[in-house]
Protein backbone atom coordinates (compact mmCIF):
# COMPACT_ATOMS: atom_id res chain seq x y z
CA MET A 1 -48.50 -250.60 102.15
CA SER A 2 -47.44 -252.03 105.48
CA SER A 3 -43.96 -253.30 106.11
CA ALA A 4 -45.25 -256.87 106.52
CA THR A 5 -46.76 -256.79 103.03
CA GLY A 6 -43.51 -255.49 101.57
CA LEU A 7 -41.56 -258.23 103.34
CA VAL A 8 -43.88 -260.93 102.00
CA ARG A 9 -43.53 -259.50 98.50
CA ARG A 10 -39.70 -259.45 98.76
CA VAL A 11 -39.57 -263.03 100.08
CA ALA A 12 -41.83 -264.19 97.26
CA GLY A 13 -39.55 -262.42 94.76
CA VAL A 14 -36.46 -264.08 96.20
CA ARG A 15 -38.18 -267.48 96.22
CA SER A 16 -39.32 -267.23 92.60
CA ASN A 17 -35.87 -266.16 91.43
CA LEU A 18 -34.26 -268.91 93.50
CA LEU A 19 -36.48 -271.48 91.81
CA ALA A 20 -35.73 -270.02 88.38
CA GLY A 21 -32.01 -270.25 89.08
CA LEU A 22 -32.35 -273.82 90.35
CA ALA A 23 -34.27 -274.73 87.20
CA VAL A 24 -31.40 -273.43 85.06
CA HIS A 25 -28.92 -275.46 87.13
CA ALA A 26 -31.14 -278.54 86.77
CA VAL A 27 -30.98 -278.16 82.98
CA ALA A 28 -27.18 -278.04 83.24
CA ALA A 29 -27.22 -281.16 85.44
CA VAL A 30 -29.30 -283.01 82.86
CA LEU A 31 -26.83 -281.89 80.19
CA PHE A 32 -23.96 -283.23 82.32
CA VAL A 33 -25.67 -286.59 82.77
CA ALA A 34 -26.37 -286.84 79.04
CA LEU A 35 -22.78 -285.95 78.13
CA SER A 36 -21.34 -288.28 80.75
CA LEU A 37 -23.17 -291.20 79.16
CA VAL A 38 -21.52 -290.42 75.82
CA ARG A 39 -17.86 -291.26 75.38
CA LEU A 40 -16.38 -287.80 74.84
CA ASP A 41 -12.70 -288.67 74.93
CA GLY A 42 -11.94 -292.19 73.77
CA CYS A 43 -11.34 -294.68 76.54
CA ASP A 44 -10.26 -292.35 79.36
CA ARG A 45 -13.31 -292.02 81.60
CA ALA A 46 -11.87 -289.21 83.74
CA ASP A 47 -11.22 -286.96 80.75
CA GLY A 48 -14.71 -287.60 79.39
CA LEU A 49 -16.35 -286.70 82.71
CA ALA A 50 -14.19 -283.61 83.09
CA GLY A 51 -15.16 -282.53 79.58
CA ALA A 52 -18.84 -283.15 80.32
CA LEU A 53 -18.53 -281.09 83.50
CA GLY A 54 -16.84 -278.29 81.57
CA TYR A 55 -19.56 -278.19 78.93
CA ALA A 56 -22.30 -278.31 81.58
CA VAL A 57 -20.74 -275.47 83.61
CA LEU A 58 -20.29 -273.38 80.47
CA ALA A 59 -23.89 -273.96 79.39
CA ASP A 60 -25.08 -273.19 82.92
CA LEU A 61 -23.23 -269.89 83.07
CA VAL A 62 -24.33 -268.76 79.60
CA LEU A 63 -27.98 -269.67 80.18
CA ALA A 64 -28.00 -268.13 83.66
CA ALA A 65 -26.37 -264.92 82.41
CA CYS A 66 -28.88 -264.55 79.57
CA LEU A 67 -31.89 -265.17 81.79
CA LEU A 68 -30.56 -263.01 84.60
CA ALA A 69 -29.97 -260.13 82.21
CA ALA A 70 -33.50 -260.50 80.85
CA VAL A 71 -35.02 -260.61 84.33
CA LEU A 72 -33.02 -257.60 85.51
CA ARG A 73 -34.06 -255.65 82.42
CA THR A 74 -37.78 -256.36 82.92
CA ASN A 75 -37.88 -256.18 86.73
CA ARG A 76 -36.94 -252.63 87.66
CA GLY A 77 -38.20 -252.55 91.24
CA GLY A 78 -36.96 -255.80 92.74
CA ARG A 79 -33.32 -256.01 91.73
CA ARG A 80 -32.23 -257.07 95.21
CA ALA A 81 -34.68 -259.96 95.22
CA VAL A 82 -33.54 -261.03 91.76
CA LEU A 83 -29.86 -260.97 92.67
CA ALA A 84 -30.43 -262.62 96.05
CA GLY A 85 -32.47 -265.46 94.55
CA TRP A 86 -30.07 -266.13 91.71
CA GLY A 87 -27.06 -265.80 94.02
CA MET A 88 -28.49 -268.35 96.43
CA SER A 89 -29.22 -270.72 93.55
CA PHE A 90 -25.52 -270.85 92.68
CA VAL A 91 -24.54 -272.25 96.11
CA PRO A 92 -25.84 -275.82 95.58
CA ALA A 93 -24.65 -275.74 91.97
CA ILE A 94 -21.09 -274.90 93.00
CA VAL A 95 -21.13 -277.54 95.77
CA LEU A 96 -22.39 -280.19 93.36
CA ALA A 97 -19.84 -279.25 90.68
CA GLY A 98 -17.10 -279.47 93.32
CA ALA A 99 -18.29 -282.93 94.36
CA VAL A 100 -18.25 -284.12 90.75
CA LEU A 101 -14.78 -282.67 90.25
CA ALA A 102 -13.55 -284.41 93.41
CA TYR A 103 -14.96 -287.69 92.08
CA VAL A 104 -13.34 -287.19 88.68
CA ASN A 105 -9.98 -286.63 90.41
CA THR A 106 -10.25 -290.06 92.08
CA LEU A 107 -10.59 -291.89 88.74
CA PRO A 108 -7.42 -293.37 87.29
CA SER A 109 -6.06 -291.69 84.21
CA GLY A 110 -5.30 -293.47 80.97
CA CYS A 111 -6.86 -296.28 79.06
CA PRO A 112 -7.42 -299.64 80.79
CA VAL A 113 -5.35 -302.47 79.37
């Protein structure tokens, strides 16, 4: 096997794991949107959005950990590609969660009169 073939195979492994990680984060984003539409905490919108973000992050981490463990168990040869792809998929998820948290912090607290 030439080094170019091995490189193509590693890049394809990273890409597929990146897309799998992004799919998990997309499921968590859909969960956040669904929970943000539901009133989780009475009339305080900031608390409801913070709760929705907490549930979405928790679901994201649990689902990602389960799938990552399954992939690492079945994929013996390409552990670096698996970890690189999944690691890169967390970057946009963390940035987006930070943006949502920054928005939630701008909302006034308490019930409107």
